[in-house]
Amino acid sequence: MAISERTLDTLTGETTELLQAMIRNQCVNDGTPESGHETRNANLLRDELEGTGADIEILKVLPGRDSIVARLPGTDPDAPALMLMGHTDVVPVSPDGWKVDPFGGDLIGDEVWGRGAVDMLNVTSSMAVAFRHIADSETRYPGDIVYFGVADEEAGGVHGAKPLVDTQWDALKCDYVLTEYGGSPLINGDDTIVLLTTAEKGVAAQRLTIGGEPGHGSMPYRTNNAISKAAEIVRRIEAYNPGARIDELFTSRIKAQNFSADLEAKLLDPGRIEEALAEMEPTLARNLHSCCHTSFSNNIIHGGSKSNTIPDKVTLVVDIRVLPGETNDDVHAHLHEAIGPELMGSVEIEAVHENEGQASESDTNTPLWGALVDSIQMTYPGASVLPSMVTGGTDARFFRRRGVPSYGAGLLSSQIGLGEFMSRFHGHNERIDVESLRLTTKLWLDVCDRLWA
């Protein structure tokens, strides 16, 4: 379905306006069941898609946490179905760190500012606009096109994709999924590389309960203070290095990025990678480090009750992201090695989320991957499209567990460097340029044209 530049201008404007409206709905997910309020964005998206002839359903898990699914039937029941999936929730903000209202959705110059502009309401809105355009055009492809605006991605999908994939598969059934994150162009002279996500690390957060003995705070000498032990455990976990794994996915990415020969050699050497990362810009270094290490981040700590009472219990939540192939047994082994035997006797470990922990990966030997490559090369002629791993979690993992190939896609303008773009995820002053909205909206239409060709 070829579209004119004028039509693409119109669609880009619609994506921009829908993104602004979704930002202003303030669907902030702080991890509690009563947060999120994604029903606001589910209703907004329903209003956008009503009247298109698509089958629309609101999927409920908890009050106020609605998701939306819309299906445009294909002409061939045996053809593969494609899902366009975007989440509708955003993470909390610290307003003092922002230059503008984080929920204003303002268009400043050629950028839309606001929480969720990058993660991932830009993709969610562009998918909705592309879906609606296909439906309104009365173009019908062989396979179904499914639009899924899902709640609670930012808190692990517990009230979103996870239960819905398990209990509402008839509404969600598909053969391929496109979602976040991908489409960053790396331009080195005449060479362009575009990274799409085919794998993601496993989410294996653990809650450590650290025991001590209570006592009076006026007599701290030689007491068993749980906070003191927790502080040492935090220090040891922070210092722990599980070692780098330099696999084919990581190697291909490093070789594509046009680093100097010396830096490339260091990055591909497990014994020298720390030296290389120390030389690099921090945001990119953090990302590369996470792509080849199981990572540990001390993120939540609670302990103590009164200023004059020595605490006998502290809870520490460690966000652990594992590489493909690592299991929960490996996670526990890492923690035992990091903490040491003399302190482990005071520690109880439990998973924060049950049935998590496994990394996931999709093969690129599919018609959808070919359609993505062809579509991206329409914008960036001759570009190499490479598979990569995302260090955060996405709802794609729930579909991969069902055997559904799932890729993180999108298409960004060359105005934003990879390091700068990554720094906007969950950060201050999150924003996306209109040209990226245009390219991503067009990408979904181009992919649909090529998938069933």
Protein backbone atom coordinates (compact mmCIF):
# COMPACT_ATOMS: atom_id res chain seq x y z
CA MET A 1 0.00 0.00 0.00
CA ALA A 2 2.10 2.89 -1.26
CA ILE A 3 1.36 6.22 0.41
CA SER A 4 2.13 9.71 -0.77
CA GLU A 5 4.30 12.16 1.12
CA ARG A 6 1.18 14.22 1.76
CA THR A 7 -0.59 11.24 3.33
CA LEU A 8 2.51 10.47 5.40
CA ASP A 9 2.55 14.07 6.61
CA THR A 10 -1.06 13.64 7.76
CA LEU A 11 -0.32 10.35 9.51
CA THR A 12 2.74 11.85 11.22
CA GLY A 13 0.58 14.66 12.56
CA GLU A 14 -1.93 12.12 13.85
CA THR A 15 0.80 10.11 15.56
CA THR A 16 2.16 13.28 17.15
CA GLU A 17 -1.25 14.30 18.49
CA LEU A 18 -2.05 10.82 19.78
CA LEU A 19 1.33 10.62 21.51
CA GLN A 20 0.69 13.97 23.19
CA ALA A 21 -2.73 12.81 24.39
CA MET A 22 -1.32 9.56 25.78
CA ILE A 23 1.39 11.43 27.68
CA ARG A 24 -1.22 13.77 29.16
CA ASN A 25 -3.27 10.82 30.45
CA GLN A 26 -0.53 10.24 33.06
CA CYS A 27 -0.76 6.44 33.21
CA VAL A 28 2.00 6.28 35.83
CA ASN A 29 2.82 2.77 37.03
CA ASP A 30 4.71 2.69 40.33
CA GLY A 31 4.40 -1.07 40.69
CA THR A 32 1.39 -1.09 43.00
CA PRO A 33 -1.88 -2.71 41.83
CA GLU A 34 -3.81 0.54 42.22
CA SER A 35 -1.43 2.61 40.06
CA GLY A 36 -1.18 2.78 36.28
CA HIS A 37 -4.72 3.90 35.43
CA GLU A 38 -4.13 2.52 31.93
CA THR A 39 -7.88 2.49 31.34
CA ARG A 40 -7.44 6.14 30.34
CA ASN A 41 -5.19 5.20 27.44
CA ALA A 42 -7.19 2.07 26.61
CA ASN A 43 -10.31 4.23 26.22
CA LEU A 44 -8.39 6.82 24.19
CA LEU A 45 -7.14 4.11 21.83
CA ARG A 46 -10.61 2.55 21.58
CA ASP A 47 -12.01 5.92 20.53
CA GLU A 48 -9.22 6.22 17.93
CA LEU A 49 -9.98 2.81 16.42
CA GLU A 50 -13.78 2.70 16.61
CA GLY A 51 -15.55 2.85 13.28
CA THR A 52 -12.68 1.19 11.39
CA GLY A 53 -14.39 -2.19 11.09
CA ALA A 54 -11.82 -3.85 13.34
CA ASP A 55 -12.94 -6.18 16.12
CA ILE A 56 -12.16 -4.27 19.33
CA GLU A 57 -12.13 -5.69 22.84
CA ILE A 58 -11.21 -4.22 26.21
CA LEU A 59 -9.35 -6.79 28.32
CA LYS A 60 -9.65 -6.40 32.08
CA VAL A 61 -7.33 -7.69 34.79
CA LEU A 62 -7.86 -5.18 37.62
CA PRO A 63 -10.08 -2.11 37.90
CA GLY A 64 -8.43 0.78 36.10
CA ARG A 65 -5.80 -1.47 34.47
CA ASP A 66 -7.52 -2.18 31.13
CA SER A 67 -5.73 -3.24 27.96
CA ILE A 68 -7.13 -3.04 24.43
CA VAL A 69 -6.90 -5.47 21.53
CA ALA A 70 -8.15 -4.80 18.00
CA ARG A 71 -8.06 -7.32 15.17
CA LEU A 72 -8.35 -6.60 11.46
CA PRO A 73 -9.16 -9.96 9.83
CA GLY A 74 -7.11 -11.12 6.89
CA THR A 75 -8.33 -12.74 3.70
CA ASP A 76 -6.60 -16.08 4.23
CA PRO A 77 -7.25 -17.95 7.51
CA ASP A 78 -4.04 -19.92 7.01
CA ALA A 79 -1.81 -16.86 6.63
CA PRO A 80 0.30 -15.76 9.62
CA ALA A 81 -1.09 -13.04 11.88
CA LEU A 82 1.02 -10.03 12.86
CA MET A 83 0.66 -8.29 16.22
CA LEU A 84 1.66 -4.66 16.77
CA MET A 85 2.11 -4.39 20.55
CA GLY A 86 2.78 -1.29 22.60
CA HIS A 87 2.40 -0.69 26.31
CA THR A 88 0.29 2.15 27.62
CA ASP A 89 1.87 2.76 31.05
CA VAL A 90 4.86 4.92 31.98
CA VAL A 91 7.26 5.05 34.91
CA PRO A 92 7.12 7.71 37.67
CA VAL A 93 8.97 11.01 37.31
CA SER A 94 10.95 13.38 39.49
CA PRO A 95 9.49 16.70 38.24
CA ASP A 96 12.30 18.79 39.72
CA GLY A 97 14.69 17.27 37.17
CA TRP A 98 12.61 18.34 34.17
CA LYS A 99 12.82 21.53 32.16
CA VAL A 100 9.10 21.29 31.28
CA ASP A 101 5.94 19.69 32.65
CA PRO A 102 6.64 15.94 32.27
CA PHE A 103 2.98 15.34 31.47
CA GLY A 104 2.42 18.39 29.29
CA GLY A 105 3.08 16.51 26.05
CA ASP A 106 4.42 19.75 24.60
CA LEU A 107 5.71 20.00 21.04
CA ILE A 108 8.85 22.09 21.44
CA GLY A 109 10.58 22.72 18.14
CA ASP A 110 10.46 19.37 16.40
CA GLU A 111 10.31 17.25 19.57
CA VAL A 112 7.45 15.92 21.73
CA TRP A 113 8.41 16.16 25.40
CA GLY A 114 6.97 14.08 28.21
CA ARG A 115 7.14 10.90 30.20
CA GLY A 116 6.65 8.00 27.83
CA ALA A 117 7.71 9.87 24.69
CA VAL A 118 10.51 7.33 24.24
CA ASP A 119 9.37 4.44 26.45
CA MET A 120 7.23 3.56 24.62
CA LEU A 121 4.20 5.70 23.78
CA ASN A 122 5.87 6.84 20.56
CA VAL A 123 5.67 3.28 19.27
CA THR A 124 2.23 2.61 20.77
CA SER A 125 0.75 5.70 19.13
CA SER A 126 2.42 5.16 15.74
CA MET A 127 1.17 1.56 15.66
CA ALA A 128 -2.38 2.71 16.37
CA VAL A 129 -2.25 5.31 13.59
CA ALA A 130 -0.82 2.79 11.09
CA PHE A 131 -3.44 0.19 12.09
CA ARG A 132 -6.25 2.71 11.68
CA HIS A 133 -4.92 3.84 8.31
CA ILE A 134 -4.87 0.28 7.00
CA ALA A 135 -8.40 -0.33 8.27
CA ASP A 136 -9.75 2.92 6.82
CA SER A 137 -8.11 2.25 3.46
CA GLU A 138 -10.03 -1.03 3.18
CA THR A 139 -6.76 -2.72 2.24
CA ARG A 140 -6.83 -6.29 3.48
CA TYR A 141 -3.77 -8.47 3.74
CA PRO A 142 -3.78 -12.27 3.80
CA GLY A 143 -3.07 -12.43 7.52
CA ASP A 144 -4.77 -10.77 10.48
CA ILE A 145 -3.27 -7.57 11.87
CA VAL A 146 -3.66 -7.33 15.65
CA TYR A 147 -3.17 -4.15 17.65
CA PHE A 148 -2.46 -4.68 21.36
CA GLY A 149 -2.26 -1.70 23.73
CA VAL A 150 -1.25 -3.39 26.97
CA ALA A 151 -1.14 -2.29 30.58
CA ASP A 152 1.49 -2.85 33.28
CA GLU A 153 4.57 -3.53 31.17
CA GLU A 154 6.64 -1.27 33.40
CA ALA A 155 6.00 -3.50 36.44
CA GLY A 156 6.60 -6.86 34.81
CA GLY A 157 3.27 -7.40 33.06
CA VAL A 158 1.69 -8.94 36.16
CA HIS A 159 -1.56 -7.08 35.48
CA GLY A 160 -1.13 -6.99 31.73
CA ALA A 161 0.49 -9.26 29.16
CA LYS A 162 1.44 -12.07 31.51
CA PRO A 163 -2.11 -13.09 32.59
CA LEU A 164 -3.70 -12.02 29.31
CA VAL A 165 -1.44 -14.25 27.21
CA ASP A 166 -2.28 -17.12 29.57
CA THR A 167 -6.05 -16.60 29.78
CA GLN A 168 -7.07 -14.57 26.70
CA TRP A 169 -5.06 -16.21 23.95
CA ASP A 170 -8.04 -16.48 21.63
CA ALA A 171 -8.16 -12.66 21.59
CA LEU A 172 -4.40 -12.25 21.24
CA LYS A 173 -3.41 -15.18 19.04
CA CYS A 174 -0.77 -14.28 16.48
CA ASP A 175 2.24 -15.71 14.70
CA TYR A 176 4.57 -12.70 14.92
CA VAL A 177 4.98 -9.76 17.30
CA LEU A 178 6.53 -6.34 16.79
CA THR A 179 7.12 -4.25 19.91
CA GLU A 180 9.91 -2.22 21.58
CA TYR A 181 12.91 -1.48 21.33
CA GLY A 182 14.79 -1.09 18.05
CA GLY A 183 15.57 1.05 15.05
CA SER A 184 18.60 3.04 16.17
CA PRO A 185 20.78 3.90 13.15
CA LEU A 186 24.53 3.93 13.60
CA ILE A 187 26.03 5.94 10.74
CA ASN A 188 29.75 5.62 10.09
CA GLY A 189 30.66 7.49 6.91
CA ASP A 190 28.89 5.71 4.08
CA ASP A 191 27.90 2.73 6.25
CA THR A 192 24.68 2.55 8.24
CA ILE A 193 23.81 -0.12 10.79
CA VAL A 194 20.34 -0.37 12.29
CA LEU A 195 19.87 -2.41 15.47
CA LEU A 196 16.66 -4.34 16.09
CA THR A 197 15.96 -6.35 19.22
CA THR A 198 15.79 -10.12 18.93
CA ALA A 199 16.72 -11.03 22.51
CA GLU A 200 16.34 -9.72 26.02
CA LYS A 201 17.90 -10.54 29.33
CA GLY A 202 15.97 -12.47 31.93
CA VAL A 203 14.40 -10.64 34.87
CA ALA A 204 15.44 -12.37 38.09
CA ALA A 205 15.01 -9.81 40.85
CA GLN A 206 15.54 -11.25 44.33
CA ARG A 207 14.44 -10.11 47.79
CA LEU A 208 17.10 -10.60 50.44
CA THR A 209 15.98 -10.64 54.06
CA ILE A 210 18.96 -9.95 56.31
CA GLY A 211 18.62 -10.94 59.95
CA GLY A 212 20.16 -9.49 63.11
CA GLU A 213 19.23 -9.09 66.78
CA PRO A 214 17.31 -6.20 68.33
CA GLY A 215 18.79 -4.09 71.09
CA HIS A 216 18.90 -0.60 72.54
CA GLY A 217 20.45 1.99 70.25
CA SER A 218 22.34 3.57 73.15
CA MET A 219 24.54 0.43 73.44
CA PRO A 220 25.66 -0.46 69.90
CA TYR A 221 29.01 -2.03 70.78
CA ARG A 222 29.35 -5.61 69.41
CA THR A 223 25.67 -5.83 68.50
CA ASN A 224 24.21 -7.79 65.58
CA ASN A 225 22.84 -4.82 63.63
CA ALA A 226 20.97 -5.93 60.49
CA ILE A 227 21.52 -2.55 58.83
CA SER A 228 25.29 -2.81 59.29
CA LYS A 229 25.30 -6.25 57.69
CA ALA A 230 23.02 -5.06 54.91
CA ALA A 231 25.41 -2.20 54.16
CA GLU A 232 28.28 -4.64 53.74
CA ILE A 233 26.15 -6.93 51.58
CA VAL A 234 25.20 -3.98 49.35
CA ARG A 235 28.89 -3.08 49.04
CA ARG A 236 29.86 -6.64 48.09
CA ILE A 237 27.10 -6.99 45.51
CA GLU A 238 28.08 -3.62 44.03
CA ALA A 239 31.69 -4.78 43.71
CA TYR A 240 30.89 -8.25 42.37
CA ASN A 241 32.00 -9.01 38.83
CA PRO A 242 30.51 -12.19 37.33
CA GLY A 243 32.73 -11.90 34.25
CA ALA A 244 31.95 -10.96 30.67
CA ARG A 245 30.42 -13.31 28.12
CA ILE A 246 31.51 -12.36 24.61
CA ASP A 247 29.03 -14.18 22.38
CA GLU A 248 28.19 -13.90 18.69
CA LEU A 249 25.42 -11.33 19.24
CA PHE A 250 27.72 -9.05 21.23
CA THR A 251 30.63 -9.54 18.84
CA SER A 252 28.60 -8.64 15.75
CA ARG A 253 27.38 -5.45 17.41
CA ILE A 254 30.86 -4.36 18.45
CA LYS A 255 32.31 -5.04 15.00
CA ALA A 256 29.51 -3.00 13.40
CA GLN A 257 30.09 0.16 15.45
CA ASN A 258 33.32 1.35 13.85
CA PHE A 259 35.32 1.58 17.07
CA SER A 260 39.06 1.99 16.75
CA ALA A 261 40.94 -1.28 16.28
CA ASP A 262 42.43 -1.00 19.76
CA LEU A 263 39.11 -0.31 21.47
CA GLU A 264 37.37 -3.08 19.53
CA ALA A 265 40.06 -5.57 20.57
CA LYS A 266 39.63 -4.61 24.22
CA LEU A 267 35.84 -4.84 24.06
CA LEU A 268 36.04 -8.35 22.66
CA ASP A 269 38.55 -9.54 25.26
CA PRO A 270 36.89 -10.65 28.55
CA GLY A 271 40.09 -9.78 30.38
CA ARG A 272 40.30 -6.23 29.02
CA ILE A 273 36.69 -5.16 28.53
CA GLU A 274 36.56 -3.30 31.85
CA GLU A 275 39.49 -1.17 30.68
CA ALA A 276 37.68 -0.44 27.42
CA LEU A 277 34.38 0.49 29.09
CA ALA A 278 36.19 2.92 31.40
CA GLU A 279 37.34 4.85 28.33
CA MET A 280 33.85 5.23 26.87
CA GLU A 281 30.97 7.68 27.29
CA PRO A 282 29.05 6.45 30.39
CA THR A 283 25.62 5.81 28.84
CA LEU A 284 26.99 3.65 26.02
CA ALA A 285 29.40 1.92 28.39
CA ARG A 286 26.54 0.96 30.72
CA ASN A 287 24.57 -0.51 27.85
CA LEU A 288 27.49 -2.51 26.46
CA HIS A 289 28.40 -3.76 29.93
CA SER A 290 24.86 -5.03 30.48
CA CYS A 291 24.81 -6.74 27.08
CA CYS A 292 27.65 -9.07 28.08
CA HIS A 293 27.29 -9.40 31.87
CA THR A 294 24.69 -10.70 34.24
CA SER A 295 23.99 -7.50 36.19
CA PHE A 296 23.11 -6.72 39.81
CA SER A 297 21.55 -3.45 40.97
CA ASN A 298 20.69 -2.75 44.63
CA ASN A 299 17.44 -0.85 44.17
CA ILE A 300 15.23 -1.04 47.29
CA ILE A 301 16.09 -1.30 51.00
CA HIS A 302 13.88 -1.20 54.07
CA GLY A 303 14.85 -1.63 57.70
CA GLY A 304 14.54 -0.31 61.19
CA SER A 305 11.55 0.93 63.15
CA LYS A 306 12.72 3.44 65.77
CA SER A 307 15.69 5.72 66.18
CA ASN A 308 16.62 4.08 69.52
CA THR A 309 16.21 0.43 68.48
CA ILE A 310 18.85 -1.69 66.77
CA PRO A 311 17.10 -3.34 63.81
CA ASP A 312 16.81 -7.11 63.61
CA LYS A 313 15.66 -7.29 59.98
CA VAL A 314 16.40 -5.51 56.71
CA THR A 315 14.96 -6.31 53.29
CA LEU A 316 16.98 -5.59 50.18
CA VAL A 317 15.66 -5.96 46.63
CA VAL A 318 18.30 -6.61 43.99
CA ASP A 319 17.37 -6.21 40.32
CA ILE A 320 19.21 -9.04 38.57
CA ARG A 321 19.24 -9.40 34.77
CA VAL A 322 20.59 -12.68 33.45
CA LEU A 323 22.06 -13.57 30.08
CA PRO A 324 20.56 -16.29 27.87
CA GLY A 325 21.18 -19.74 29.30
CA GLU A 326 21.42 -18.74 32.95
CA THR A 327 18.93 -20.19 35.44
CA ASN A 328 17.65 -19.34 38.91
CA ASP A 329 20.26 -21.74 40.28
CA ASP A 330 22.92 -19.60 38.61
CA VAL A 331 21.39 -16.48 40.19
CA HIS A 332 21.65 -18.02 43.66
CA ALA A 333 25.21 -19.14 42.97
CA HIS A 334 26.16 -15.60 41.96
CA LEU A 335 24.65 -14.17 45.15
CA HIS A 336 26.40 -16.73 47.35
CA GLU A 337 29.73 -15.92 45.72
CA ALA A 338 29.18 -12.16 45.96
CA ILE A 339 28.03 -12.09 49.57
CA GLY A 340 30.37 -14.72 51.01
CA PRO A 341 29.72 -17.62 53.41
CA GLU A 342 30.17 -15.65 56.65
CA LEU A 343 27.27 -13.34 55.80
CA MET A 344 25.05 -15.75 53.84
CA GLY A 345 24.07 -17.44 57.10
CA SER A 346 22.07 -14.31 57.95
CA VAL A 347 20.37 -14.03 54.54
CA GLU A 348 17.15 -15.52 53.18
CA ILE A 349 16.55 -15.22 49.43
CA GLU A 350 13.25 -15.28 47.55
CA ALA A 351 12.29 -14.33 44.00
CA VAL A 352 10.40 -11.06 43.63
CA HIS A 353 8.45 -12.42 40.65
CA GLU A 354 7.75 -16.12 40.34
CA ASN A 355 8.33 -17.92 37.03
CA GLU A 356 10.69 -15.24 35.76
CA GLY A 357 14.43 -15.42 35.30
CA GLN A 358 14.81 -16.90 31.82
CA ALA A 359 16.19 -14.74 29.05
CA SER A 360 14.43 -15.00 25.70
CA GLU A 361 15.52 -14.86 22.08
CA SER A 362 13.91 -15.07 18.63
CA ASP A 363 15.46 -16.48 15.47
CA THR A 364 15.85 -14.08 12.55
CA ASN A 365 15.19 -16.78 9.95
CA THR A 366 11.59 -15.65 9.43
CA PRO A 367 9.60 -13.81 6.75
CA LEU A 368 8.98 -10.99 9.24
CA TRP A 369 12.70 -10.34 9.68
CA GLY A 370 13.08 -10.16 5.92
CA ALA A 371 10.17 -7.69 5.72
CA LEU A 372 11.80 -5.54 8.41
CA VAL A 373 15.14 -5.49 6.62
CA ASP A 374 13.54 -4.55 3.29
CA SER A 375 11.43 -1.83 4.91
CA ILE A 376 14.32 -0.27 6.81
CA GLN A 377 16.46 -0.22 3.69
CA MET A 378 13.79 1.87 1.98
CA THR A 379 14.70 4.67 4.39
CA TYR A 380 18.38 3.84 4.88
CA PRO A 381 19.49 2.34 1.55
CA GLY A 382 22.10 -0.36 1.92
CA ALA A 383 21.84 -0.40 5.72
CA SER A 384 22.91 -3.51 7.58
CA VAL A 385 20.12 -4.57 9.94
CA LEU A 386 21.58 -6.42 12.92
CA PRO A 387 19.97 -8.40 15.73
CA SER A 388 20.75 -7.15 19.22
CA MET A 389 19.82 -7.71 22.84
CA VAL A 390 17.86 -5.29 24.99
CA THR A 391 18.99 -5.10 28.60
CA GLY A 392 15.55 -4.31 30.04
CA GLY A 393 12.49 -6.52 30.01
CA THR A 394 9.62 -6.27 27.52
CA ASP A 395 6.31 -8.05 27.06
CA ALA A 396 7.81 -9.88 24.08
CA ARG A 397 9.05 -12.58 26.46
CA PHE A 398 5.50 -13.79 27.15
CA PHE A 399 4.96 -14.37 23.43
CA ARG A 400 8.38 -15.96 22.90
CA ARG A 401 7.46 -18.51 25.57
CA ARG A 402 4.61 -19.53 23.30
CA GLY A 403 7.01 -19.91 20.41
CA VAL A 404 6.00 -16.64 18.71
CA PRO A 405 8.95 -14.83 17.06
CA SER A 406 9.02 -11.33 18.54
CA TYR A 407 11.19 -8.39 17.58
CA GLY A 408 11.76 -4.95 19.01
CA ALA A 409 11.49 -2.51 16.13
CA GLY A 410 10.87 1.08 15.15
CA LEU A 411 12.93 3.47 13.07
CA LEU A 412 14.67 6.53 14.44
CA SER A 413 16.05 9.51 12.63
CA SER A 414 19.79 10.02 12.49
CA GLN A 415 19.38 13.16 14.64
CA ILE A 416 19.66 11.12 17.85
CA GLY A 417 22.82 9.24 18.76
CA LEU A 418 22.39 5.82 20.37
CA GLY A 419 23.86 6.90 23.68
CA GLU A 420 21.66 10.00 23.86
CA PHE A 421 18.55 8.02 22.98
CA MET A 422 19.20 5.38 25.62
CA SER A 423 19.76 8.04 28.29
CA ARG A 424 16.14 9.19 27.80
CA PHE A 425 14.67 5.86 28.93
CA HIS A 426 13.26 6.50 32.43
CA GLY A 427 15.32 9.69 32.57
CA HIS A 428 14.68 13.41 32.90
CA ASN A 429 13.50 15.42 29.87
CA GLU A 430 12.31 12.42 27.87
CA ARG A 431 11.44 13.40 24.31
CA ILE A 432 11.22 12.15 20.73
CA ASP A 433 11.64 14.02 17.46
CA VAL A 434 8.79 14.18 14.95
CA GLU A 435 10.97 12.76 12.17
CA SER A 436 11.34 9.53 14.17
CA LEU A 437 7.57 9.41 14.59
CA ARG A 438 7.24 9.75 10.83
CA LEU A 439 9.77 7.03 10.06
CA THR A 440 8.29 4.61 12.58
CA THR A 441 4.71 5.15 11.41
CA LYS A 442 5.83 4.47 7.84
CA LEU A 443 7.79 1.40 8.94
CA TRP A 444 4.66 -0.45 10.14
CA LEU A 445 2.92 0.21 6.81
CA ASP A 446 5.95 -0.89 4.81
CA VAL A 447 6.33 -4.08 6.86
CA CYS A 448 2.70 -5.04 6.31
CA ASP A 449 3.16 -4.54 2.56
CA ARG A 450 6.17 -6.86 2.54
CA LEU A 451 5.30 -9.55 5.06
CA TRP A 452 2.56 -11.11 2.97
CA ALA A 453 3.91 -10.13 -0.46
